[in-house]
Amino acid sequence: MKLLSLFSLTLLIVLPVNATSLPSEKRKTGKLMQSVLGPVQLSLQGSSAVFYNDKSRTNFIYGTVISEDGYILTKASELDEVKDFHVRVGSRKYSQPKRIASNEQWDVALIKIDASDLRPVDLSGSSELDHGTWVVANGATERRFRRPRAGVISANKRTIKGGNTAVLGVQFQSSDEGIIINAVTENSGAEKAGLKEGDLLLKAEGEEIGEIDVILKLLKSKSVGESFSIEVKREEEVMSFKVELMARHKLYKGVRDRNDQMSGGEAQQSPRRTNFPLVLQHEIMLTRRTVGGPLFTLDGEFVGMNIAAANRVEAFAIPVEEIAKLWEEMNPAEK
């Protein structure tokens, strides 16, 4: 903290009283701040991976190095968007990475590259940080250099809700007859299966449905890509359907409110930014292209993995304690 106090003092001395903005070298990501963050940059350089789209040759997501022998965690939903990619850790390029496993609840994918001497993050740390504690993550990247970006912890750890992750693509409404489908989303699994507006819901997954909450509870136990059985009455005919569940963030896209518009919409924010069991919130200004990597304190202690750019001033990270549990569950050596 002394280092940052000196930094603030430097700004007070150098900045003219009538100035309306800081010179570039004194901004949050300028040269002076970069020099302050130099020690943490070494951690970012060794323990963060950069994923590159083979087709566009641009980086599209970061990753967190989890083991010396090449296991890396990253954001699964962003990875789903790119078919062919390669990975850089430090200055080295690794071709033909393999996707080993995924965890939909946390939106995390485990990737394996052919490496043997990487510098993994330390999973024994703690995410119990006071509000205002300085933290550092990846900002922009050059092919061989990771540029750190700083911010502070800005809220208590908490659950981020947002409805079921896996969705049918319909809207239900209670009526005197029972529960009816009053809308079917275009290009949804429900539309492709053949469900229509006006269908009267009889059963879901073989269970008779009397309340909407019951079907929502059944959906919670399902994952994206799985089938969900629906039985409906259409006019006088009883009909059965198998609906492929889709990811909520893929089916229901678009800017939703004024703050979203000011935050850059889908180009900047993570499409999947809800439905996380527990997050550590900070105010590093990330984008959808700069999540997936590690979050460190100024001392280089790993405290979490960035999982979502929520808006222009909020970002979410999975706490280190939860990352340790995920690695234990997903590690092939443990199975």
Protein backbone atom coordinates (compact mmCIF):
# COMPACT_ATOMS: atom_id res chain seq x y z
CA MET A 1 0.00 0.00 0.00
CA LYS A 2 2.96 2.36 0.58
CA LEU A 3 3.89 1.95 -3.07
CA LEU A 4 0.45 3.03 -4.19
CA SER A 5 0.44 5.98 -1.79
CA LEU A 6 3.66 7.22 -3.34
CA PHE A 7 2.09 6.73 -6.76
CA SER A 8 -0.90 8.86 -5.77
CA LEU A 9 1.41 11.52 -4.32
CA THR A 10 3.34 11.63 -7.60
CA LEU A 11 0.12 12.36 -9.46
CA LEU A 12 -0.74 15.22 -7.11
CA ILE A 13 2.66 16.81 -7.61
CA VAL A 14 2.90 16.40 -11.38
CA LEU A 15 -0.67 17.00 -12.55
CA PRO A 16 -1.48 20.69 -13.23
CA VAL A 17 -4.33 22.10 -11.17
CA ASN A 18 -6.39 23.01 -14.26
CA ALA A 19 -5.83 19.69 -16.11
CA THR A 20 -8.94 17.81 -17.25
CA SER A 21 -7.27 14.42 -17.82
CA LEU A 22 -4.14 12.51 -16.86
CA PRO A 23 -1.21 12.19 -19.24
CA SER A 24 -1.14 8.69 -20.75
CA GLU A 25 1.93 7.62 -18.77
CA LYS A 26 0.09 8.28 -15.52
CA ARG A 27 -3.20 6.59 -16.28
CA LYS A 28 -4.32 3.35 -14.68
CA THR A 29 -2.65 1.27 -17.37
CA GLY A 30 0.15 3.72 -18.15
CA LYS A 31 3.89 3.28 -17.74
CA LEU A 32 4.06 4.46 -14.13
CA MET A 33 1.32 2.10 -12.99
CA GLN A 34 2.84 -0.71 -15.06
CA SER A 35 6.13 -0.24 -13.21
CA VAL A 36 4.30 -0.52 -9.89
CA LEU A 37 2.69 -3.76 -11.08
CA GLY A 38 5.94 -5.22 -12.42
CA PRO A 39 6.29 -8.01 -9.80
CA VAL A 40 2.72 -9.23 -10.44
CA GLN A 41 3.34 -9.15 -14.18
CA LEU A 42 5.77 -12.04 -13.73
CA SER A 43 2.94 -14.11 -12.22
CA LEU A 44 0.64 -13.22 -15.10
CA GLN A 45 3.35 -14.04 -17.60
CA GLY A 46 3.98 -17.50 -16.21
CA SER A 47 0.55 -18.58 -14.96
CA SER A 48 -1.86 -17.21 -17.55
CA ALA A 49 -2.48 -18.73 -20.99
CA VAL A 50 -3.68 -16.87 -24.05
CA PHE A 51 -6.04 -18.60 -26.50
CA TYR A 52 -5.75 -17.64 -30.18
CA ASN A 53 -8.28 -18.22 -32.93
CA ASP A 54 -6.44 -20.06 -35.73
CA LYS A 55 -8.70 -18.51 -38.35
CA SER A 56 -8.52 -14.84 -37.33
CA ARG A 57 -5.11 -15.14 -35.59
CA THR A 58 -6.39 -12.98 -32.74
CA ASN A 59 -6.60 -13.77 -29.05
CA PHE A 60 -10.13 -14.38 -27.82
CA ILE A 61 -9.84 -15.57 -24.20
CA TYR A 62 -7.36 -16.17 -21.38
CA GLY A 63 -6.74 -19.26 -19.30
CA THR A 64 -5.35 -20.10 -15.88
CA VAL A 65 -2.46 -22.58 -15.68
CA ILE A 66 -3.46 -25.19 -13.14
CA SER A 67 -0.62 -27.75 -13.34
CA GLU A 68 3.00 -28.03 -14.44
CA ASP A 69 2.14 -30.68 -17.04
CA GLY A 70 -0.16 -28.48 -19.12
CA TYR A 71 -3.67 -28.40 -17.65
CA ILE A 72 -5.40 -25.05 -18.06
CA LEU A 73 -8.82 -23.80 -16.94
CA THR A 74 -10.71 -21.27 -19.04
CA LYS A 75 -14.23 -19.97 -19.74
CA ALA A 76 -16.18 -22.71 -21.50
CA SER A 77 -18.87 -20.66 -23.24
CA GLU A 78 -16.30 -18.44 -24.98
CA LEU A 79 -14.30 -21.49 -26.02
CA ASP A 80 -17.44 -22.99 -27.57
CA GLU A 81 -17.48 -20.16 -30.11
CA VAL A 82 -14.12 -21.06 -31.69
CA LYS A 83 -13.51 -24.33 -33.53
CA ASP A 84 -9.72 -24.26 -34.06
CA PHE A 85 -7.35 -22.55 -31.66
CA HIS A 86 -3.86 -22.65 -30.20
CA VAL A 87 -2.47 -21.54 -26.84
CA ARG A 88 0.46 -19.43 -25.71
CA VAL A 89 1.94 -19.57 -22.21
CA GLY A 90 4.69 -17.03 -21.74
CA SER A 91 6.43 -16.81 -25.10
CA ARG A 92 5.78 -20.43 -26.10
CA LYS A 93 3.15 -21.57 -28.56
CA TYR A 94 1.27 -24.85 -28.07
CA SER A 95 -0.66 -26.30 -30.98
CA GLN A 96 -3.46 -28.89 -30.92
CA PRO A 97 -4.72 -28.35 -27.36
CA LYS A 98 -7.27 -30.90 -26.17
CA ARG A 99 -10.52 -30.19 -24.34
CA ILE A 100 -10.64 -32.68 -21.48
CA ALA A 101 -13.74 -31.76 -19.47
CA SER A 102 -16.29 -29.03 -18.78
CA ASN A 103 -18.35 -27.84 -15.83
CA GLU A 104 -21.50 -26.07 -16.96
CA GLN A 105 -22.46 -24.79 -13.51
CA TRP A 106 -19.28 -22.70 -13.33
CA ASP A 107 -18.88 -22.23 -17.12
CA VAL A 108 -15.37 -23.69 -16.96
CA ALA A 109 -13.47 -25.91 -19.42
CA LEU A 110 -10.32 -27.92 -18.73
CA ILE A 111 -7.74 -27.85 -21.54
CA LYS A 112 -4.57 -29.93 -21.91
CA ILE A 113 -1.48 -28.79 -23.82
CA ASP A 114 1.73 -30.74 -24.39
CA ALA A 115 3.93 -29.12 -21.72
CA SER A 116 5.97 -30.25 -18.74
CA ASP A 117 7.45 -27.23 -16.97
CA LEU A 118 4.70 -24.66 -16.58
CA ARG A 119 4.20 -22.39 -13.58
CA PRO A 120 0.76 -23.18 -12.09
CA VAL A 121 -1.16 -20.91 -9.75
CA ASP A 122 -1.11 -21.74 -6.03
CA LEU A 123 -4.50 -23.21 -5.08
CA SER A 124 -3.87 -23.05 -1.33
CA GLY A 125 -4.61 -19.33 -0.99
CA SER A 126 -7.64 -17.48 0.35
CA SER A 127 -10.20 -15.20 -1.30
CA GLU A 128 -11.17 -13.54 1.99
CA LEU A 129 -10.23 -10.01 0.96
CA ASP A 130 -11.40 -6.67 2.37
CA HIS A 131 -13.25 -4.23 0.16
CA GLY A 132 -10.74 -1.94 -1.52
CA THR A 133 -7.98 -4.56 -1.65
CA TRP A 134 -5.95 -4.10 -4.84
CA VAL A 135 -6.07 -6.98 -7.32
CA VAL A 136 -4.47 -7.49 -10.73
CA ALA A 137 -5.56 -9.34 -13.87
CA ASN A 138 -4.63 -9.55 -17.54
CA GLY A 139 -5.46 -6.54 -19.63
CA ALA A 140 -4.40 -6.36 -23.25
CA THR A 141 -1.77 -8.80 -24.48
CA GLU A 142 1.01 -8.78 -27.01
CA ARG A 143 2.18 -12.02 -28.53
CA ARG A 144 4.92 -12.45 -25.94
CA PHE A 145 3.95 -10.02 -23.19
CA ARG A 146 1.04 -9.87 -20.71
CA ARG A 147 -0.01 -6.37 -19.69
CA PRO A 148 -1.41 -6.22 -16.13
CA ARG A 149 -4.49 -4.21 -15.23
CA ALA A 150 -5.34 -3.25 -11.66
CA GLY A 151 -8.54 -2.70 -9.71
CA VAL A 152 -10.03 -3.33 -6.27
CA ILE A 153 -12.36 -5.80 -4.59
CA SER A 154 -15.73 -4.04 -4.64
CA ALA A 155 -18.34 -6.31 -3.02
CA ASN A 156 -18.85 -9.30 -0.77
CA LYS A 157 -18.63 -12.77 -2.30
CA ARG A 158 -22.08 -13.84 -3.40
CA THR A 159 -24.20 -16.03 -5.66
CA ILE A 160 -25.10 -14.57 -9.06
CA LYS A 161 -28.55 -15.75 -10.11
CA GLY A 162 -30.27 -15.50 -13.46
CA GLY A 163 -32.62 -18.43 -13.97
CA ASN A 164 -31.82 -21.91 -15.26
CA THR A 165 -28.72 -22.18 -17.44
CA ALA A 166 -30.37 -24.79 -19.71
CA VAL A 167 -33.62 -23.61 -21.28
CA LEU A 168 -36.43 -25.05 -23.40
CA GLY A 169 -37.11 -21.86 -25.31
CA VAL A 170 -40.75 -21.41 -24.31
CA GLN A 171 -42.79 -19.16 -22.04
CA PHE A 172 -45.49 -20.66 -19.84
CA GLN A 173 -48.70 -19.13 -18.53
CA SER A 174 -51.17 -20.43 -15.97
CA SER A 175 -54.79 -20.62 -17.12
CA ASP A 176 -58.09 -22.16 -16.04
CA GLU A 177 -57.21 -25.22 -18.15
CA GLY A 178 -53.73 -25.59 -16.68
CA ILE A 179 -50.30 -24.48 -17.88
CA ILE A 180 -50.16 -23.44 -21.50
CA ILE A 181 -47.28 -22.42 -23.78
CA ASN A 182 -47.89 -18.79 -24.69
CA ALA A 183 -44.67 -18.22 -26.70
CA VAL A 184 -42.00 -20.31 -28.45
CA THR A 185 -38.60 -18.71 -29.03
CA GLU A 186 -37.30 -18.72 -32.59
CA ASN A 187 -34.46 -21.22 -33.26
CA SER A 188 -34.93 -22.80 -29.82
CA GLY A 189 -34.96 -26.51 -29.07
CA ALA A 190 -38.69 -26.22 -28.44
CA GLU A 191 -39.36 -24.76 -31.88
CA LYS A 192 -37.18 -27.37 -33.58
CA ALA A 193 -38.96 -30.17 -31.69
CA GLY A 194 -42.37 -28.92 -32.82
CA LEU A 195 -43.92 -27.32 -29.73
CA LYS A 196 -46.38 -24.54 -30.51
CA GLU A 197 -48.07 -21.60 -28.85
CA GLY A 198 -51.31 -22.75 -27.23
CA ASP A 199 -50.11 -26.27 -26.35
CA LEU A 200 -51.43 -27.39 -22.95
CA LEU A 201 -48.68 -28.87 -20.77
CA LEU A 202 -49.51 -32.29 -19.30
CA LYS A 203 -46.20 -33.88 -18.28
CA ALA A 204 -42.47 -33.11 -18.15
CA GLU A 205 -39.91 -35.86 -17.74
CA GLY A 206 -42.81 -38.24 -17.09
CA GLU A 207 -44.11 -36.16 -14.17
CA GLU A 208 -47.55 -34.54 -14.18
CA ILE A 209 -47.21 -30.77 -14.01
CA GLY A 210 -49.66 -28.62 -12.06
CA GLU A 211 -47.45 -25.58 -11.37
CA ILE A 212 -44.80 -23.75 -13.39
CA ASP A 213 -42.30 -24.01 -10.50
CA VAL A 214 -42.29 -27.79 -10.89
CA ILE A 215 -41.02 -27.69 -14.46
CA LEU A 216 -38.42 -25.06 -13.51
CA LYS A 217 -37.18 -27.37 -10.76
CA LEU A 218 -36.90 -30.25 -13.23
CA LEU A 219 -34.90 -28.07 -15.62
CA LYS A 220 -32.36 -27.27 -12.89
CA SER A 221 -31.25 -30.89 -12.87
CA LYS A 222 -30.56 -30.82 -16.61
CA SER A 223 -27.57 -29.65 -18.65
CA VAL A 224 -27.25 -27.89 -21.99
CA GLY A 225 -27.45 -30.41 -24.85
CA GLU A 226 -29.52 -32.95 -22.93
CA SER A 227 -33.03 -33.95 -23.98
CA PHE A 228 -36.10 -32.94 -22.00
CA SER A 229 -39.35 -34.84 -22.51
CA ILE A 230 -42.59 -32.88 -22.80
CA GLU A 231 -46.15 -34.16 -23.17
CA VAL A 232 -48.82 -31.70 -24.28
CA LYS A 233 -52.41 -31.62 -25.44
CA ARG A 234 -52.99 -29.85 -28.76
CA GLU A 235 -56.69 -29.47 -29.46
CA GLU A 236 -57.90 -33.03 -28.74
CA GLU A 237 -54.60 -34.82 -29.44
CA VAL A 238 -51.99 -35.78 -26.81
CA MET A 239 -48.48 -35.37 -28.22
CA SER A 240 -44.97 -36.17 -26.90
CA PHE A 241 -41.76 -34.29 -27.73
CA LYS A 242 -38.06 -34.56 -26.98
CA VAL A 243 -36.57 -31.06 -26.69
CA GLU A 244 -32.83 -30.40 -26.84
CA LEU A 245 -31.98 -27.90 -24.11
CA MET A 246 -29.99 -24.83 -25.13
CA ALA A 247 -27.78 -22.41 -23.19
CA ARG A 248 -29.71 -19.38 -21.97
CA HIS A 249 -27.00 -16.90 -22.97
CA LYS A 250 -26.93 -18.23 -26.55
CA LEU A 251 -30.68 -18.26 -27.07
CA TYR A 252 -31.53 -14.95 -25.39
CA LYS A 253 -28.96 -12.50 -26.69
CA GLY A 254 -29.06 -8.75 -26.94
CA VAL A 255 -28.53 -5.62 -24.86
CA ARG A 256 -31.07 -5.57 -22.09
CA ASP A 257 -30.91 -2.15 -20.43
CA ARG A 258 -29.29 1.26 -20.56
CA ASN A 259 -26.31 0.22 -18.45
CA ASP A 260 -25.68 -2.67 -20.84
CA GLN A 261 -25.70 -0.26 -23.77
CA MET A 262 -23.20 2.02 -22.04
CA SER A 263 -21.03 -1.01 -21.28
CA GLY A 264 -20.60 -1.91 -24.94
CA GLY A 265 -23.19 -4.68 -25.19
CA GLU A 266 -22.21 -8.11 -26.47
CA ALA A 267 -18.95 -6.86 -27.98
CA GLN A 268 -17.53 -6.10 -24.53
CA GLN A 269 -19.54 -7.99 -21.92
CA SER A 270 -19.46 -11.73 -21.39
CA PRO A 271 -22.56 -13.36 -22.92
CA ARG A 272 -22.64 -15.71 -19.92
CA ARG A 273 -22.47 -13.48 -16.85
CA THR A 274 -25.09 -14.97 -14.56
CA ASN A 275 -25.84 -18.29 -12.82
CA PHE A 276 -22.64 -18.66 -10.81
CA PRO A 277 -22.71 -20.38 -7.40
CA LEU A 278 -20.23 -17.92 -5.85
CA VAL A 279 -18.17 -15.04 -7.21
CA LEU A 280 -15.56 -12.57 -6.03
CA GLN A 281 -16.46 -9.16 -7.47
CA HIS A 282 -13.87 -6.59 -8.47
CA GLU A 283 -13.83 -3.45 -10.61
CA ILE A 284 -11.03 -4.21 -13.07
CA MET A 285 -12.39 -3.12 -16.45
CA LEU A 286 -12.33 -6.44 -18.29
CA THR A 287 -13.97 -7.42 -21.58
CA ARG A 288 -15.23 -10.79 -22.80
CA ARG A 289 -11.78 -11.30 -24.41
CA THR A 290 -9.87 -10.78 -21.15
CA VAL A 291 -11.67 -13.20 -18.82
CA GLY A 292 -10.53 -16.76 -18.08
CA GLY A 293 -7.20 -15.76 -16.59
CA PRO A 294 -5.97 -15.56 -13.00
CA LEU A 295 -6.65 -12.82 -10.45
CA PHE A 296 -3.75 -11.89 -8.13
CA THR A 297 -3.14 -9.56 -5.19
CA LEU A 298 -0.29 -7.04 -5.42
CA ASP A 299 1.85 -9.63 -3.61
CA GLY A 300 1.24 -12.16 -6.38
CA GLU A 301 -1.16 -14.35 -4.35
CA PHE A 302 -3.69 -16.16 -6.55
CA VAL A 303 -7.21 -15.40 -5.31
CA GLY A 304 -9.44 -16.47 -8.19
CA MET A 305 -10.08 -16.98 -11.91
CA ASN A 306 -11.89 -14.28 -13.87
CA ILE A 307 -15.11 -15.73 -15.28
CA ALA A 308 -17.24 -12.81 -16.50
CA ALA A 309 -17.10 -9.17 -17.57
CA ALA A 310 -20.47 -8.15 -16.14
CA ASN A 311 -20.48 -4.50 -17.26
CA ARG A 312 -18.10 -1.58 -17.64
CA VAL A 313 -17.30 -1.43 -13.91
CA GLU A 314 -17.92 -4.95 -12.58
CA ALA A 315 -16.15 -8.24 -13.17
CA PHE A 316 -16.59 -11.63 -11.49
CA ALA A 317 -13.99 -14.20 -10.50
CA ILE A 318 -14.40 -17.74 -9.20
CA PRO A 319 -12.75 -17.77 -5.74
CA VAL A 320 -9.54 -19.77 -5.36
CA GLU A 321 -11.21 -22.19 -2.93
CA GLU A 322 -13.77 -23.13 -5.58
CA ILE A 323 -11.08 -23.43 -8.27
CA ALA A 324 -9.26 -25.92 -6.02
CA LYS A 325 -12.46 -28.00 -5.76
CA LEU A 326 -13.03 -27.82 -9.51
CA TRP A 327 -9.51 -29.03 -10.22
CA GLU A 328 -9.98 -31.93 -7.82
CA GLU A 329 -13.23 -32.90 -9.59
CA MET A 330 -11.95 -32.46 -13.15
CA ASN A 331 -8.38 -33.74 -12.77
CA PRO A 332 -8.11 -36.95 -14.86
CA ALA A 333 -5.52 -38.31 -12.45
CA GLU A 334 -8.15 -38.32 -9.68
CA LYS A 335 -10.59 -40.48 -11.66
